[in-house]
Amino acid sequence: MIKQAHIKPSYIEARKRTKEQVKVLTDAYIMNNELSKIGTNKKYYILTYGCQANERDSETISAILEDMSFTKTENMNDADLILLNTCAIRENAHNKVFGMLGRIKHLKESKPNIITCLCGCMAQEEKVVNEIEEKYKWMDVVFGTHNIQNLPKLISDAINDNELIIEVFSKEGDVVENLPVKRESKYKAYVNIMYGCDKFCTYCIVPYTRGKQRSRRKEDILKEVNDLINKGYKEVTLLGQNVNAYGKDLDCGITMDKLLEEVAKTKIERIRFITSHPWDFTDEMIDVIAKYDNIMPYIHLPLQSGSNKILKLMGRRYTKESYLNLAKKIREKIPNVSLTTDIIVGFPNETEEDFEDTLDVVNKCKYDGAFTFIYSPRENTPASKMEDLISLEEKQNRLQKLNELVNKYYLENNKKYIDKIVPVLIENVSSKSDNLYSGYTDTMKLVNVKCNKEDIGKIINVKITEAKTWSLNGEKVNG
C-alpha cells in the first residue's frame, strides 16, 4: 500500500515570497551508525540532467551515499541504488527522464531489491509527482531540491517500509552548510554562492523549483575556496541561479563585485561565475573583473530575445538597447573577453520582425557561443497560458537560421586564436584521441592539446594550430 502521508509539491506554495529571514543550517545533516551501514557491499549509480547546479548537487549526493557505505559504479546494471537528479527547464529533459524510468522498471523486474530515487527540479513539479504516484508506484524515493540532507533517512524509510516515499517541500528555502561533497574533478570545482531566484521570468520554472533568492555567508564561501586551494585546486566556478544578484538578500552590504574581489584575493588561479542576469550586471562588477587577472575574461550573459516586445512579455526587465550597451562596456573594459549567451526562439507569437531583432543582436555582439532553444512551455508559468499561433515548423526554421549565424561567429572568433599562445588548464585525455589531452583556455575555449600525461591538472601555455567551430587544436609551448 502507498503511504498517504506524502509531502508533495505545490506551485502555489512555491511561488510565495515573504520577508522571513533565511535560516542558515549547520547541523541539518545527520549520519548515525545505523544509517552509515545501509550501503555496505552495495553500489550506487547517479544520472545527472541539467545545469551546473544539478552537477554540484550530485557531488553532495555522491558524498552522502558514500557516507552510507555505498560505492559508485558507472554501470547502471550493476547498481543496487539508482538515482536520477533531474532538470525541469525544458520538455525534452522531462521526456528523457521518463524514458529512463521505463528502462529502470525493466531492470527492477529482474533485480527487485534495487532502490530507485528521483530528485532535482522535476521532483518539485506537482504534475510530475502526481504522475509518479499514479504510474510509478514501484519507485522508492522522491525528494526535492530543499532536503538533500534528508536522503539517508528517506532511503532507510523506503527500505524498512517497502513503500514509495515522497518528501518534496515547496518553500522559500534555507541555506544548508556542512554537507559533504565528492568532487568530480581534482583541479576545478563548483562553489555555490547563492540559491534560488526571485526574477519570475514568465517562461521559467526555476523560481518554483529552487526557492527564493538566498545568499551564502561570505565567510562560508571563502572558507570553501581556501579549502580547495589547500587541496591543490586551480579553478573555482561560483554558482547561482542568478549569480550576480548575490548579497541583495543579506544585511552585510556585500554585493557580487565585492565577493568577486574577496575571492580573487585568495589567489586561486582561476575564477569563473555563472549564470548572470543582465539586469543585475553592474559597472562595479565589470571593473573588478578587469582588475584581477585571476578572474577569467569569460562572461555568460543570457539574451533570450533581441525584441523589446518579447523581452517585456518574458519579464526580463531590460531592453535590447540596454543589453547592447552592457555588452559594449564589457568588451571595452575587459581585454580579450569571451561573451556567450542563451537565446530562445519561438516565444508565444514572436513575429518575424521580433526574430530579426534577435539576429541583429547576434550580429552586433558576435558571440563566442550560444545555447539556443525553441521555447518550451512549463506548466503553471505565465507564458504557458499565452496564446501561441506560431507553427512548430516556423520555430524550427528560425532555430536553424539562428544556429547558422551563431556558428559563423563561433568559428570566426576561434580562428582569431590561430598562432596565439594561450593558457590552458589540462583536465583529461581528449575524447578525440588518446594521444591528445583536453582543457579550457581562460576564455572558456575547449582545446585539444599535444602534451604529456604529467600536464593533467596544470595550466600550461599552448600554441593554437587549428580552429574548428566548437574547439581548438594546439601544442604545448615549453619554457
Protein backbone atom coordinates (compact mmCIF):
# COMPACT_ATOMS: atom_id res chain seq x y z
CA MET A 1 0.00 0.00 0.00
CA ILE A 2 1.22 3.52 -0.84
CA LYS A 3 1.80 5.66 2.20
CA GLN A 4 -0.72 8.54 2.35
CA ALA A 5 1.42 10.93 4.39
CA HIS A 6 3.42 12.08 1.40
CA ILE A 7 4.80 15.62 1.37
CA LYS A 8 4.06 16.76 -2.17
CA PRO A 9 4.95 19.93 -4.09
CA SER A 10 2.59 22.85 -4.60
CA TYR A 11 3.01 25.56 -7.25
CA ILE A 12 1.02 27.97 -5.09
CA GLU A 13 3.29 27.48 -2.08
CA ALA A 14 6.44 27.53 -4.23
CA ARG A 15 5.59 30.96 -5.59
CA LYS A 16 5.26 32.62 -2.19
CA ARG A 17 7.89 35.16 -1.13
CA THR A 18 7.88 36.60 2.38
CA LYS A 19 10.15 38.80 4.47
CA GLU A 20 11.03 35.86 6.69
CA GLN A 21 14.76 35.64 7.34
CA VAL A 22 16.61 32.79 5.68
CA LYS A 23 17.87 30.16 8.11
CA VAL A 24 21.49 29.03 7.88
CA LEU A 25 21.52 25.40 9.00
CA THR A 26 24.84 23.94 10.09
CA ASP A 27 23.66 20.71 11.72
CA ALA A 28 20.85 19.53 9.40
CA TYR A 29 22.82 16.58 8.03
CA ILE A 30 22.65 13.57 10.32
CA MET A 31 24.67 10.39 9.78
CA ASN A 32 24.47 7.87 12.59
CA ASN A 33 25.95 4.39 12.91
CA GLU A 34 22.84 2.64 11.59
CA LEU A 35 22.49 4.86 8.52
CA SER A 36 26.20 4.59 7.75
CA LYS A 37 25.93 0.82 7.17
CA ILE A 38 22.93 0.72 4.81
CA GLY A 39 25.07 0.64 1.67
CA THR A 40 27.63 -1.92 2.82
CA ASN A 41 28.64 -4.11 -0.16
CA LYS A 42 26.23 -2.17 -2.40
CA LYS A 43 26.80 0.10 -5.40
CA TYR A 44 25.12 3.33 -6.47
CA TYR A 45 24.62 4.93 -9.87
CA ILE A 46 23.75 8.61 -10.42
CA LEU A 47 22.47 10.11 -13.66
CA THR A 48 22.50 13.91 -13.65
CA TYR A 49 20.46 16.07 -16.01
CA GLY A 50 20.53 19.83 -16.48
CA CYS A 51 22.67 22.67 -15.22
CA GLN A 52 25.82 23.08 -13.15
CA ALA A 53 23.71 23.48 -10.00
CA ASN A 54 22.46 19.93 -10.52
CA GLU A 55 26.01 18.72 -11.12
CA ARG A 56 27.06 20.31 -7.84
CA ASP A 57 24.07 18.75 -6.04
CA SER A 58 25.09 15.34 -7.40
CA GLU A 59 28.54 15.81 -5.88
CA THR A 60 26.88 16.19 -2.47
CA ILE A 61 24.53 13.25 -3.10
CA SER A 62 27.52 11.06 -4.02
CA ALA A 63 29.27 12.01 -0.78
CA ILE A 64 26.14 11.25 1.26
CA LEU A 65 25.75 7.83 -0.35
CA GLU A 66 29.40 7.04 0.29
CA ASP A 67 28.90 8.12 3.92
CA MET A 68 26.26 5.35 3.90
CA SER A 69 28.94 2.87 2.66
CA PHE A 70 27.70 2.68 -0.95
CA THR A 71 30.39 2.59 -3.64
CA LYS A 72 29.99 4.26 -7.02
CA THR A 73 29.55 2.36 -10.28
CA GLU A 74 29.45 3.71 -13.83
CA ASN A 75 27.29 0.78 -14.97
CA MET A 76 23.60 1.14 -14.11
CA ASN A 77 23.05 -2.61 -14.48
CA ASP A 78 25.47 -3.27 -11.60
CA ALA A 79 23.81 -0.79 -9.24
CA ASP A 80 21.88 -1.54 -6.06
CA LEU A 81 20.71 2.09 -5.89
CA ILE A 82 19.87 4.25 -8.92
CA LEU A 83 19.32 7.98 -8.53
CA LEU A 84 18.11 10.39 -11.22
CA ASN A 85 18.91 14.05 -10.48
CA THR A 86 16.55 15.83 -12.84
CA CYS A 87 16.04 19.09 -14.73
CA ALA A 88 12.69 20.79 -15.36
CA ILE A 89 13.68 23.64 -17.66
CA ARG A 90 12.52 22.05 -20.94
CA GLU A 91 10.10 19.33 -22.06
CA ASN A 92 12.92 17.36 -23.66
CA ALA A 93 14.53 16.87 -20.26
CA HIS A 94 11.22 15.53 -18.91
CA ASN A 95 10.92 13.04 -21.74
CA LYS A 96 14.45 11.73 -21.20
CA VAL A 97 13.80 11.13 -17.50
CA PHE A 98 10.53 9.26 -18.03
CA GLY A 99 12.19 7.22 -20.77
CA MET A 100 14.96 6.30 -18.33
CA LEU A 101 12.39 5.34 -15.69
CA GLY A 102 10.99 2.87 -18.21
CA ARG A 103 14.42 1.26 -18.54
CA ILE A 104 14.87 1.18 -14.77
CA LYS A 105 11.48 -0.51 -14.33
CA HIS A 106 12.61 -3.38 -16.56
CA LEU A 107 15.84 -3.64 -14.58
CA LYS A 108 13.94 -3.67 -11.29
CA GLU A 109 11.76 -6.53 -12.51
CA SER A 110 14.88 -8.71 -12.69
CA LYS A 111 16.50 -7.12 -9.58
CA PRO A 112 13.56 -6.25 -7.29
CA ASN A 113 15.77 -5.03 -4.43
CA ILE A 114 17.18 -2.10 -6.43
CA ILE A 115 16.49 1.21 -4.64
CA THR A 116 15.23 3.83 -7.12
CA CYS A 117 15.33 7.56 -6.34
CA LEU A 118 14.29 10.68 -8.24
CA CYS A 119 15.27 14.17 -7.13
CA GLY A 120 16.07 17.61 -8.53
CA CYS A 121 13.81 20.13 -10.21
CA MET A 122 11.33 17.69 -11.76
CA ALA A 123 10.58 16.41 -8.28
CA GLN A 124 9.43 19.94 -7.38
CA GLU A 125 6.65 19.86 -10.01
CA GLU A 126 3.12 18.93 -8.96
CA LYS A 127 2.30 17.23 -12.25
CA VAL A 128 5.43 15.07 -12.21
CA VAL A 129 4.95 13.86 -8.65
CA ASN A 130 1.28 13.08 -9.29
CA GLU A 131 2.28 11.02 -12.33
CA ILE A 132 4.91 9.12 -10.36
CA GLU A 133 2.41 8.42 -7.59
CA GLU A 134 -0.12 7.10 -10.11
CA LYS A 135 2.05 5.26 -12.64
CA TYR A 136 5.42 4.57 -10.99
CA LYS A 137 4.46 3.12 -7.63
CA TRP A 138 7.37 0.67 -7.91
CA MET A 139 9.80 3.53 -7.18
CA ASP A 140 11.27 4.02 -3.71
CA VAL A 141 12.12 7.68 -3.02
CA VAL A 142 11.19 11.07 -4.50
CA PHE A 143 12.75 14.12 -2.84
CA GLY A 144 13.24 17.73 -3.89
CA THR A 145 15.86 20.46 -4.02
CA HIS A 146 15.35 21.63 -0.41
CA ASN A 147 16.06 18.42 1.51
CA ILE A 148 19.09 16.63 0.08
CA GLN A 149 20.37 16.42 3.65
CA ASN A 150 17.46 14.09 4.49
CA LEU A 151 18.46 11.45 1.92
CA PRO A 152 19.88 8.87 4.39
CA LYS A 153 16.64 8.73 6.40
CA LEU A 154 14.49 8.68 3.25
CA ILE A 155 16.38 5.68 1.89
CA SER A 156 16.17 3.94 5.26
CA ASP A 157 12.41 4.55 5.48
CA ALA A 158 11.84 3.28 1.95
CA ILE A 159 13.76 0.06 2.68
CA ASN A 160 12.11 -0.58 6.05
CA ASP A 161 8.56 0.27 4.94
CA ASN A 162 8.86 -1.17 1.41
CA GLU A 163 6.84 1.81 0.17
CA LEU A 164 7.24 4.79 -2.11
CA ILE A 165 8.43 7.74 -0.02
CA ILE A 166 7.68 11.25 -1.34
CA GLU A 167 9.17 14.20 0.55
CA VAL A 168 9.16 17.39 -1.51
CA PHE A 169 8.95 20.76 0.23
CA SER A 170 7.58 23.78 -1.62
CA LYS A 171 9.09 26.57 0.42
CA GLU A 172 11.32 29.59 0.14
CA GLY A 173 14.28 27.56 1.32
CA ASP A 174 17.18 27.58 3.75
CA VAL A 175 20.95 27.67 3.33
CA VAL A 176 22.33 24.31 4.42
CA GLU A 177 26.02 24.29 5.31
CA ASN A 178 28.42 21.49 6.24
CA LEU A 179 27.11 18.95 3.74
CA PRO A 180 29.73 16.50 2.46
CA VAL A 181 30.97 16.69 -1.13
CA LYS A 182 32.72 14.32 -3.50
CA ARG A 183 34.22 16.48 -6.27
CA GLU A 184 34.12 15.16 -9.82
CA SER A 185 37.42 16.90 -10.61
CA LYS A 186 40.67 17.27 -8.69
CA TYR A 187 41.52 20.55 -10.42
CA LYS A 188 38.37 22.66 -10.73
CA ALA A 189 35.33 22.94 -8.51
CA TYR A 190 31.86 24.40 -8.33
CA VAL A 191 31.19 26.64 -5.33
CA ASN A 192 27.59 27.59 -4.57
CA ILE A 193 27.32 31.22 -3.55
CA MET A 194 23.54 31.54 -3.68
CA TYR A 195 20.39 29.54 -4.33
CA GLY A 196 17.01 30.26 -5.87
CA CYS A 197 15.66 33.16 -7.91
CA ASP A 198 13.10 35.91 -7.45
CA LYS A 199 13.01 37.18 -11.05
CA PHE A 200 10.00 35.08 -12.14
CA CYS A 201 10.65 35.38 -15.88
CA THR A 202 7.34 34.35 -17.41
CA TYR A 203 8.71 31.24 -19.15
CA CYS A 204 10.90 29.96 -16.32
CA ILE A 205 10.10 27.35 -13.68
CA VAL A 206 13.31 27.79 -11.66
CA PRO A 207 11.82 30.19 -9.03
CA TYR A 208 9.26 27.46 -8.30
CA THR A 209 11.72 24.56 -8.17
CA ARG A 210 14.67 26.24 -6.41
CA GLY A 211 13.00 28.63 -3.98
CA LYS A 212 13.65 32.26 -3.23
CA GLN A 213 16.92 34.08 -3.76
CA ARG A 214 19.20 33.39 -0.79
CA SER A 215 22.91 34.02 -0.50
CA ARG A 216 25.51 32.08 1.45
CA ARG A 217 27.57 33.96 4.01
CA LYS A 218 30.80 35.40 2.64
CA GLU A 219 32.90 33.66 5.28
CA ASP A 220 31.47 30.24 4.36
CA ILE A 221 32.21 30.82 0.68
CA LEU A 222 35.77 31.98 1.33
CA LYS A 223 36.40 29.03 3.67
CA GLU A 224 35.33 26.64 0.91
CA VAL A 225 37.56 28.38 -1.66
CA ASN A 226 40.57 28.35 0.68
CA ASP A 227 40.00 24.66 1.45
CA LEU A 228 40.06 23.98 -2.29
CA ILE A 229 43.29 25.94 -2.69
CA ASN A 230 44.87 23.87 0.08
CA LYS A 231 43.84 20.71 -1.80
CA GLY A 232 45.54 21.91 -4.97
CA TYR A 233 42.56 23.12 -6.98
CA LYS A 234 43.32 25.56 -9.79
CA GLU A 235 39.85 26.87 -10.63
CA VAL A 236 36.52 27.63 -8.99
CA THR A 237 33.21 28.45 -10.63
CA LEU A 238 30.87 30.47 -8.43
CA LEU A 239 27.33 29.17 -8.91
CA GLY A 240 23.87 30.64 -8.58
CA GLN A 241 20.59 30.68 -10.49
CA ASN A 242 21.10 34.44 -10.75
CA VAL A 243 24.67 34.71 -9.57
CA ASN A 244 25.26 38.44 -9.86
CA ALA A 245 22.31 39.20 -7.57
CA TYR A 246 24.47 37.78 -4.78
CA GLY A 247 24.14 39.64 -1.49
CA LYS A 248 20.93 41.52 -2.23
CA ASP A 249 19.18 39.49 0.46
CA LEU A 250 21.93 39.98 3.06
CA ASP A 251 22.26 42.85 5.53
CA CYS A 252 26.06 42.99 5.48
CA GLY A 253 26.41 45.23 2.42
CA ILE A 254 28.42 42.72 0.36
CA THR A 255 27.43 42.50 -3.29
CA MET A 256 28.70 40.38 -6.17
CA ASP A 257 31.51 42.76 -7.11
CA LYS A 258 32.79 42.77 -3.51
CA LEU A 259 32.55 38.99 -3.26
CA LEU A 260 34.42 38.55 -6.54
CA GLU A 261 37.18 40.76 -5.20
CA GLU A 262 37.40 38.79 -1.94
CA VAL A 263 37.61 35.51 -3.84
CA ALA A 264 40.26 36.99 -6.18
CA LYS A 265 42.35 37.93 -3.15
CA THR A 266 42.55 34.28 -2.10
CA LYS A 267 44.97 33.97 -5.04
CA ILE A 268 43.27 30.92 -6.53
CA GLU A 269 44.48 30.82 -10.11
CA ARG A 270 41.13 30.88 -11.93
CA ILE A 271 37.69 32.23 -11.02
CA ARG A 272 34.55 31.93 -13.13
CA PHE A 273 30.88 32.58 -12.33
CA ILE A 274 27.53 31.57 -13.81
CA THR A 275 24.76 32.39 -14.58
CA SER A 276 24.32 36.15 -14.84
CA HIS A 277 21.18 38.19 -15.41
CA PRO A 278 21.85 41.38 -17.43
CA TRP A 279 19.60 43.35 -15.07
CA ASP A 280 22.00 42.78 -12.15
CA PHE A 281 25.30 43.15 -14.03
CA THR A 282 26.84 46.32 -12.57
CA ASP A 283 29.66 48.59 -13.67
CA GLU A 284 31.42 47.70 -10.40
CA MET A 285 31.40 44.03 -11.42
CA ILE A 286 32.95 44.86 -14.77
CA ASP A 287 35.68 46.92 -13.06
CA VAL A 288 36.56 44.10 -10.64
CA ILE A 289 36.72 41.51 -13.43
CA ALA A 290 39.02 43.81 -15.40
CA LYS A 291 41.20 44.50 -12.35
CA TYR A 292 42.07 40.91 -11.34
CA ASP A 293 43.96 38.57 -13.64
CA ASN A 294 42.62 35.51 -11.85
CA ILE A 295 39.00 36.40 -12.70
CA MET A 296 38.65 34.85 -16.13
CA PRO A 297 37.70 37.04 -19.12
CA TYR A 298 34.65 34.94 -19.86
CA ILE A 299 31.09 36.21 -19.40
CA HIS A 300 27.93 34.20 -19.99
CA LEU A 301 25.23 36.82 -20.49
CA PRO A 302 21.81 35.39 -21.42
CA LEU A 303 19.95 37.45 -24.00
CA GLN A 304 16.87 35.22 -24.52
CA SER A 305 15.46 37.61 -27.17
CA GLY A 306 16.53 40.74 -29.02
CA SER A 307 12.98 42.07 -29.30
CA ASN A 308 11.82 44.61 -26.73
CA LYS A 309 8.27 43.36 -27.13
CA ILE A 310 9.26 39.77 -26.41
CA LEU A 311 11.63 40.76 -23.59
CA LYS A 312 8.72 42.55 -21.91
CA LEU A 313 6.46 39.50 -22.36
CA MET A 314 9.25 37.36 -20.89
CA GLY A 315 9.53 39.66 -17.86
CA ARG A 316 13.27 40.13 -18.44
CA ARG A 317 13.36 43.79 -17.22
CA TYR A 318 15.91 45.07 -19.71
CA THR A 319 15.74 46.24 -23.31
CA LYS A 320 17.65 45.40 -26.45
CA GLU A 321 19.38 48.76 -26.20
CA SER A 322 20.43 48.38 -22.54
CA TYR A 323 21.71 44.86 -23.23
CA LEU A 324 23.82 46.05 -26.17
CA ASN A 325 25.18 48.89 -24.06
CA LEU A 326 26.16 46.43 -21.32
CA ALA A 327 27.85 44.11 -23.82
CA LYS A 328 29.73 47.09 -25.27
CA LYS A 329 31.01 48.13 -21.82
CA ILE A 330 32.12 44.57 -21.07
CA ARG A 331 34.08 44.34 -24.33
CA GLU A 332 35.65 47.78 -23.87
CA LYS A 333 36.77 47.26 -20.27
CA ILE A 334 37.75 43.57 -20.18
CA PRO A 335 40.56 42.78 -22.64
CA ASN A 336 40.19 39.62 -24.73
CA VAL A 337 36.79 38.85 -23.17
CA SER A 338 34.76 35.93 -24.48
CA LEU A 339 30.99 36.52 -24.48
CA THR A 340 28.41 33.72 -24.69
CA THR A 341 24.65 33.71 -24.31
CA ASP A 342 21.31 31.86 -24.17
CA ILE A 343 18.60 32.52 -26.76
CA ILE A 344 15.01 31.28 -27.00
CA VAL A 345 13.21 31.28 -30.36
CA GLY A 346 9.50 30.85 -30.91
CA PHE A 347 8.29 32.51 -27.73
CA PRO A 348 4.48 32.81 -27.99
CA ASN A 349 3.62 34.98 -31.01
CA GLU A 350 7.18 36.03 -31.79
CA THR A 351 6.89 37.74 -35.18
CA GLU A 352 9.44 37.62 -37.96
CA GLU A 353 10.36 41.18 -37.02
CA ASP A 354 10.93 40.11 -33.41
CA PHE A 355 13.16 37.29 -34.60
CA GLU A 356 15.12 39.65 -36.85
CA ASP A 357 15.76 41.83 -33.77
CA THR A 358 17.37 38.80 -32.13
CA LEU A 359 19.54 38.18 -35.18
CA ASP A 360 20.53 41.86 -35.10
CA VAL A 361 21.84 41.49 -31.54
CA VAL A 362 23.78 38.38 -32.53
CA ASN A 363 25.33 40.30 -35.43
CA LYS A 364 26.29 43.16 -33.12
CA CYS A 365 27.61 41.03 -30.23
CA LYS A 366 29.29 38.37 -32.38
CA TYR A 367 29.07 35.84 -29.55
CA ASP A 368 31.76 33.25 -28.93
CA GLY A 369 29.00 30.74 -28.42
CA ALA A 370 25.31 30.39 -27.60
CA PHE A 371 22.89 27.87 -26.17
CA THR A 372 19.82 28.13 -28.39
CA PHE A 373 16.41 26.59 -27.82
CA ILE A 374 12.87 26.50 -29.13
CA TYR A 375 10.53 27.82 -26.44
CA SER A 376 9.22 25.00 -24.26
CA PRO A 377 6.13 25.82 -22.16
CA ARG A 378 6.48 24.91 -18.49
CA GLU A 379 3.37 24.10 -16.53
CA ASN A 380 1.93 26.87 -14.35
CA THR A 381 4.23 29.61 -15.70
CA PRO A 382 2.52 32.73 -17.12
CA ALA A 383 3.95 32.13 -20.60
CA SER A 384 2.38 28.66 -20.74
CA LYS A 385 -1.03 30.34 -20.68
CA MET A 386 -0.25 32.70 -23.57
CA GLU A 387 -1.92 32.01 -26.92
CA ASP A 388 0.64 30.83 -29.44
CA LEU A 389 -0.12 30.85 -33.16
CA ILE A 390 3.38 30.08 -34.48
CA SER A 391 3.80 26.67 -36.09
CA LEU A 392 6.49 24.26 -34.92
CA GLU A 393 7.88 24.24 -38.45
CA GLU A 394 8.40 28.01 -38.32
CA LYS A 395 10.09 27.75 -34.93
CA GLN A 396 12.42 25.05 -36.23
CA ASN A 397 13.29 27.16 -39.27
CA ARG A 398 14.15 30.11 -37.03
CA LEU A 399 16.29 27.94 -34.77
CA GLN A 400 18.22 26.65 -37.78
CA LYS A 401 18.77 30.17 -39.10
CA LEU A 402 19.91 31.37 -35.67
CA ASN A 403 22.29 28.44 -35.24
CA GLU A 404 23.87 29.07 -38.62
CA LEU A 405 24.58 32.66 -37.61
CA VAL A 406 25.85 31.74 -34.13
CA ASN A 407 28.14 29.07 -35.56
CA LYS A 408 29.50 31.53 -38.12
CA TYR A 409 30.71 33.84 -35.34
CA TYR A 410 31.83 30.90 -33.20
CA LEU A 411 34.22 29.84 -35.97
CA GLU A 412 35.30 33.41 -36.79
CA ASN A 413 36.20 34.05 -33.15
CA ASN A 414 38.03 30.75 -32.87
CA LYS A 415 40.12 31.50 -35.95
CA LYS A 416 41.48 34.59 -34.20
CA TYR A 417 43.33 32.22 -31.85
CA ILE A 418 45.44 30.58 -34.56
CA ASP A 419 49.17 31.04 -33.86
CA LYS A 420 48.42 32.64 -30.48
CA ILE A 421 49.81 31.26 -27.23
CA VAL A 422 47.11 30.85 -24.59
CA PRO A 423 46.93 29.37 -21.06
CA VAL A 424 45.06 26.06 -20.87
CA LEU A 425 44.11 24.06 -17.78
CA ILE A 426 44.65 20.46 -18.89
CA GLU A 427 41.90 18.28 -17.46
CA ASN A 428 41.96 14.83 -19.03
CA VAL A 429 42.60 12.69 -22.10
CA SER A 430 40.86 14.14 -25.16
CA SER A 431 37.74 12.44 -26.49
CA LYS A 432 39.21 12.96 -29.96
CA SER A 433 42.34 10.87 -29.49
CA ASP A 434 44.25 9.01 -26.78
CA ASN A 435 47.33 10.91 -27.94
CA LEU A 436 45.78 14.30 -27.12
CA TYR A 437 44.72 15.97 -23.88
CA SER A 438 41.92 18.49 -23.45
CA GLY A 439 41.28 21.56 -21.37
CA TYR A 440 39.98 25.10 -21.45
CA THR A 441 41.55 28.47 -22.07
CA ASP A 442 40.95 31.42 -19.76
CA THR A 443 38.22 32.46 -22.25
CA MET A 444 36.50 29.05 -21.97
CA LYS A 445 37.62 27.69 -25.32
CA LEU A 446 37.92 23.90 -25.49
CA VAL A 447 41.40 22.91 -26.72
CA ASN A 448 42.76 19.50 -27.73
CA VAL A 449 46.46 19.65 -26.94
CA LYS A 450 49.60 17.73 -27.80
CA CYS A 451 51.26 17.48 -24.41
CA ASN A 452 52.17 14.95 -21.72
CA LYS A 453 50.12 12.99 -19.20
CA GLU A 454 52.06 14.79 -16.46
CA ASP A 455 50.45 18.06 -17.60
CA ILE A 456 46.99 16.99 -16.39
CA GLY A 457 45.96 19.36 -13.61
CA LYS A 458 48.37 22.07 -14.70
CA ILE A 459 47.85 25.37 -16.52
CA ILE A 460 50.23 25.28 -19.47
CA ASN A 461 50.95 27.58 -22.42
CA VAL A 462 49.55 26.23 -25.67
CA LYS A 463 50.10 27.46 -29.21
CA ILE A 464 46.88 27.18 -31.22
CA THR A 465 47.47 25.44 -34.56
CA GLU A 466 43.94 24.86 -35.83
CA ALA A 467 40.47 26.32 -35.25
CA LYS A 468 37.20 24.44 -35.59
CA THR A 469 33.69 25.66 -34.87
CA TRP A 470 33.46 24.24 -31.36
CA SER A 471 37.07 23.59 -30.41
CA LEU A 472 40.71 24.47 -30.99
CA ASN A 473 43.78 22.31 -31.57
CA GLY A 474 47.18 23.20 -30.19
CA GLU A 475 50.53 22.05 -28.89
CA LYS A 476 52.35 22.71 -25.65
CA VAL A 477 54.89 25.54 -25.64
CA ASN A 478 57.88 24.64 -23.50
CA GLY A 479 59.71 27.18 -21.41
